[in-house]
């Protein structure tokens, strides 16, 4: 979960900088900005879902190893 948090935070910082560039300059085309924003959102959601699945698998495995689950 720690790695997912780091990746999501880095992408958030990049998105904030990119948004500021779009707002204050004309360096980035609006369609490219939307495509990059959607792509970053997809990566963040996928990263968090994968991290949650791995954490759930790890906790279930730990319970099975300690004979709390059959």
N, C-alpha and C. Protein backbone atom coordinates (compact mmCIF):
# COMPACT_ATOMS: atom_id res chain seq x y z
N UNK A 1 0.83 -1.19 0.00
CA UNK A 1 0.00 0.00 0.00
C UNK A 1 0.87 1.25 0.00
N UNK A 2 2.07 1.12 0.57
CA UNK A 2 2.97 2.25 0.64
C UNK A 2 3.40 2.69 -0.77
N UNK A 3 3.69 1.72 -1.62
CA UNK A 3 4.12 2.04 -2.99
C UNK A 3 2.98 2.68 -3.76
N UNK A 4 1.76 2.20 -3.57
CA UNK A 4 0.60 2.78 -4.25
C UNK A 4 0.40 4.23 -3.82
N UNK A 5 0.60 4.51 -2.55
CA UNK A 5 0.48 5.88 -2.06
C UNK A 5 1.53 6.78 -2.67
N UNK A 6 2.75 6.29 -2.78
CA UNK A 6 3.83 7.08 -3.37
C UNK A 6 3.55 7.36 -4.84
N UNK A 7 3.14 6.33 -5.58
CA UNK A 7 2.84 6.50 -7.01
C UNK A 7 1.69 7.48 -7.20
N UNK A 8 0.63 7.33 -6.41
CA UNK A 8 -0.52 8.22 -6.52
C UNK A 8 -0.15 9.66 -6.18
N UNK A 9 0.68 9.84 -5.17
CA UNK A 9 1.11 11.19 -4.78
C UNK A 9 1.96 11.84 -5.87
N UNK A 10 2.85 11.08 -6.46
CA UNK A 10 3.68 11.61 -7.54
C UNK A 10 2.82 12.01 -8.73
N UNK A 11 1.87 11.16 -9.09
CA UNK A 11 0.98 11.48 -10.22
C UNK A 11 0.12 12.70 -9.91
N UNK A 12 -0.30 12.85 -8.66
CA UNK A 12 -1.08 14.02 -8.28
C UNK A 12 -0.26 15.30 -8.43
N UNK A 13 0.98 15.26 -7.99
CA UNK A 13 1.86 16.43 -8.13
C UNK A 13 2.08 16.77 -9.60
N UNK A 14 2.31 15.75 -10.42
CA UNK A 14 2.50 15.98 -11.86
C UNK A 14 1.23 16.58 -12.46
N UNK A 15 0.06 16.06 -12.06
CA UNK A 15 -1.19 16.58 -12.59
C UNK A 15 -1.42 18.03 -12.18
N UNK A 16 -1.08 18.37 -10.93
CA UNK A 16 -1.24 19.76 -10.47
C UNK A 16 -0.33 20.69 -11.27
N UNK A 17 0.90 20.30 -11.48
CA UNK A 17 1.83 21.13 -12.28
C UNK A 17 1.32 21.26 -13.70
N UNK A 18 0.86 20.15 -14.28
CA UNK A 18 0.34 20.19 -15.64
C UNK A 18 -0.89 21.10 -15.73
N UNK A 19 -1.75 21.06 -14.73
CA UNK A 19 -2.94 21.91 -14.71
C UNK A 19 -2.54 23.38 -14.63
N UNK A 20 -1.55 23.70 -13.83
CA UNK A 20 -1.09 25.08 -13.73
C UNK A 20 -0.49 25.57 -15.05
N UNK A 21 0.23 24.70 -15.73
CA UNK A 21 0.79 25.06 -17.04
C UNK A 21 -0.32 25.33 -18.03
N UNK A 22 -1.36 24.50 -18.03
CA UNK A 22 -2.48 24.71 -18.94
C UNK A 22 -3.22 26.01 -18.63
N UNK A 23 -3.39 26.29 -17.34
CA UNK A 23 -4.12 27.50 -16.95
C UNK A 23 -3.37 28.78 -17.29
N UNK A 24 -2.06 28.79 -17.12
CA UNK A 24 -1.30 30.02 -17.23
C UNK A 24 -0.59 30.20 -18.57
N UNK A 25 -0.45 29.15 -19.34
CA UNK A 25 0.22 29.26 -20.64
C UNK A 25 -0.60 28.54 -21.70
N UNK A 26 -0.17 28.65 -22.92
CA UNK A 26 -0.80 27.93 -24.02
C UNK A 26 0.13 26.83 -24.56
N UNK A 27 0.94 26.28 -23.67
CA UNK A 27 1.92 25.29 -24.10
C UNK A 27 1.32 23.92 -24.39
N UNK A 28 0.21 23.62 -23.75
CA UNK A 28 -0.38 22.29 -23.88
C UNK A 28 -1.77 22.40 -24.50
N UNK A 29 -2.01 21.60 -25.51
CA UNK A 29 -3.31 21.57 -26.17
C UNK A 29 -4.35 21.00 -25.21
N UNK A 30 -5.57 21.51 -25.27
CA UNK A 30 -6.61 21.08 -24.33
C UNK A 30 -6.98 19.60 -24.50
N UNK A 31 -6.98 19.11 -25.73
CA UNK A 31 -7.30 17.68 -25.93
C UNK A 31 -6.20 16.79 -25.35
N UNK A 32 -4.97 17.21 -25.50
CA UNK A 32 -3.86 16.46 -24.93
C UNK A 32 -3.94 16.48 -23.40
N UNK A 33 -4.32 17.62 -22.85
CA UNK A 33 -4.47 17.74 -21.39
C UNK A 33 -5.56 16.79 -20.88
N UNK A 34 -6.67 16.73 -21.57
CA UNK A 34 -7.75 15.83 -21.15
C UNK A 34 -7.31 14.37 -21.25
N UNK A 35 -6.63 14.03 -22.33
CA UNK A 35 -6.15 12.66 -22.50
C UNK A 35 -5.16 12.28 -21.40
N UNK A 36 -4.24 13.19 -21.09
CA UNK A 36 -3.27 12.91 -20.02
C UNK A 36 -3.95 12.82 -18.66
N UNK A 37 -4.93 13.66 -18.42
CA UNK A 37 -5.65 13.63 -17.15
C UNK A 37 -6.40 12.32 -16.97
N UNK A 38 -7.09 11.88 -18.00
CA UNK A 38 -7.82 10.61 -17.94
C UNK A 38 -6.85 9.45 -17.77
N UNK A 39 -5.74 9.48 -18.47
CA UNK A 39 -4.74 8.42 -18.35
C UNK A 39 -4.18 8.35 -16.94
N UNK A 40 -3.87 9.50 -16.37
CA UNK A 40 -3.36 9.52 -14.99
C UNK A 40 -4.41 9.00 -14.01
N UNK A 41 -5.65 9.36 -14.23
CA UNK A 41 -6.71 8.87 -13.36
C UNK A 41 -6.84 7.36 -13.42
N UNK A 42 -6.74 6.81 -14.62
CA UNK A 42 -6.82 5.36 -14.78
C UNK A 42 -5.67 4.67 -14.08
N UNK A 43 -4.47 5.22 -14.22
CA UNK A 43 -3.29 4.63 -13.57
C UNK A 43 -3.43 4.69 -12.05
N UNK A 44 -3.92 5.81 -11.51
CA UNK A 44 -4.08 5.93 -10.07
C UNK A 44 -5.11 4.93 -9.55
N UNK A 45 -6.24 4.81 -10.22
CA UNK A 45 -7.28 3.86 -9.79
C UNK A 45 -6.75 2.43 -9.87
N UNK A 46 -6.08 2.10 -10.96
CA UNK A 46 -5.55 0.74 -11.12
C UNK A 46 -4.50 0.45 -10.05
N UNK A 47 -3.64 1.41 -9.74
CA UNK A 47 -2.62 1.21 -8.71
C UNK A 47 -3.24 0.96 -7.35
N UNK A 48 -4.25 1.74 -7.00
CA UNK A 48 -4.90 1.57 -5.71
C UNK A 48 -5.64 0.23 -5.64
N UNK A 49 -6.33 -0.15 -6.71
CA UNK A 49 -7.04 -1.43 -6.71
C UNK A 49 -6.08 -2.61 -6.59
N UNK A 50 -4.96 -2.55 -7.29
CA UNK A 50 -3.96 -3.62 -7.21
C UNK A 50 -3.39 -3.69 -5.79
N UNK A 51 -3.10 -2.54 -5.20
CA UNK A 51 -2.55 -2.52 -3.85
C UNK A 51 -3.55 -3.09 -2.84
N UNK A 52 -4.82 -2.75 -2.99
CA UNK A 52 -5.84 -3.29 -2.09
C UNK A 52 -5.98 -4.80 -2.25
N UNK A 53 -5.93 -5.28 -3.47
CA UNK A 53 -6.03 -6.72 -3.72
C UNK A 53 -4.84 -7.46 -3.11
N UNK A 54 -3.65 -6.91 -3.27
CA UNK A 54 -2.46 -7.54 -2.70
C UNK A 54 -2.50 -7.53 -1.17
N UNK A 55 -2.98 -6.44 -0.57
CA UNK A 55 -3.08 -6.38 0.88
C UNK A 55 -4.09 -7.39 1.39
N UNK A 56 -5.22 -7.51 0.71
CA UNK A 56 -6.24 -8.47 1.11
C UNK A 56 -5.71 -9.90 0.99
N UNK A 57 -5.01 -10.19 -0.09
CA UNK A 57 -4.43 -11.52 -0.28
C UNK A 57 -3.41 -11.81 0.82
N UNK A 58 -2.59 -10.81 1.16
CA UNK A 58 -1.58 -11.00 2.20
C UNK A 58 -2.19 -11.23 3.56
N UNK A 59 -3.24 -10.49 3.89
CA UNK A 59 -3.87 -10.68 5.20
C UNK A 59 -4.57 -12.02 5.28
N UNK A 60 -5.19 -12.47 4.19
CA UNK A 60 -5.84 -13.78 4.17
C UNK A 60 -4.80 -14.89 4.30
N UNK A 61 -3.69 -14.72 3.62
CA UNK A 61 -2.63 -15.73 3.69
C UNK A 61 -2.07 -15.80 5.10
N UNK A 62 -1.91 -14.66 5.75
CA UNK A 62 -1.40 -14.64 7.11
C UNK A 62 -2.36 -15.36 8.06
N UNK A 63 -3.67 -15.14 7.89
CA UNK A 63 -4.64 -15.81 8.73
C UNK A 63 -4.63 -17.32 8.51
N UNK A 64 -4.46 -17.74 7.25
CA UNK A 64 -4.38 -19.17 6.97
C UNK A 64 -3.12 -19.78 7.56
N UNK A 65 -2.01 -19.06 7.51
CA UNK A 65 -0.75 -19.56 8.06
C UNK A 65 -0.84 -19.74 9.57
N UNK A 66 -1.61 -18.94 10.26
CA UNK A 66 -1.76 -19.03 11.70
C UNK A 66 -2.97 -19.89 12.09
N UNK A 67 -3.53 -20.60 11.12
CA UNK A 67 -4.65 -21.54 11.33
C UNK A 67 -5.90 -20.87 11.88
N UNK A 68 -6.13 -19.61 11.51
CA UNK A 68 -7.38 -18.96 11.88
C UNK A 68 -8.48 -19.21 10.84
N UNK A 69 -8.07 -19.54 9.62
CA UNK A 69 -9.01 -19.88 8.55
C UNK A 69 -8.73 -21.30 8.09
N UNK A 70 -9.77 -21.96 7.61
CA UNK A 70 -9.60 -23.32 7.10
C UNK A 70 -9.23 -23.30 5.65
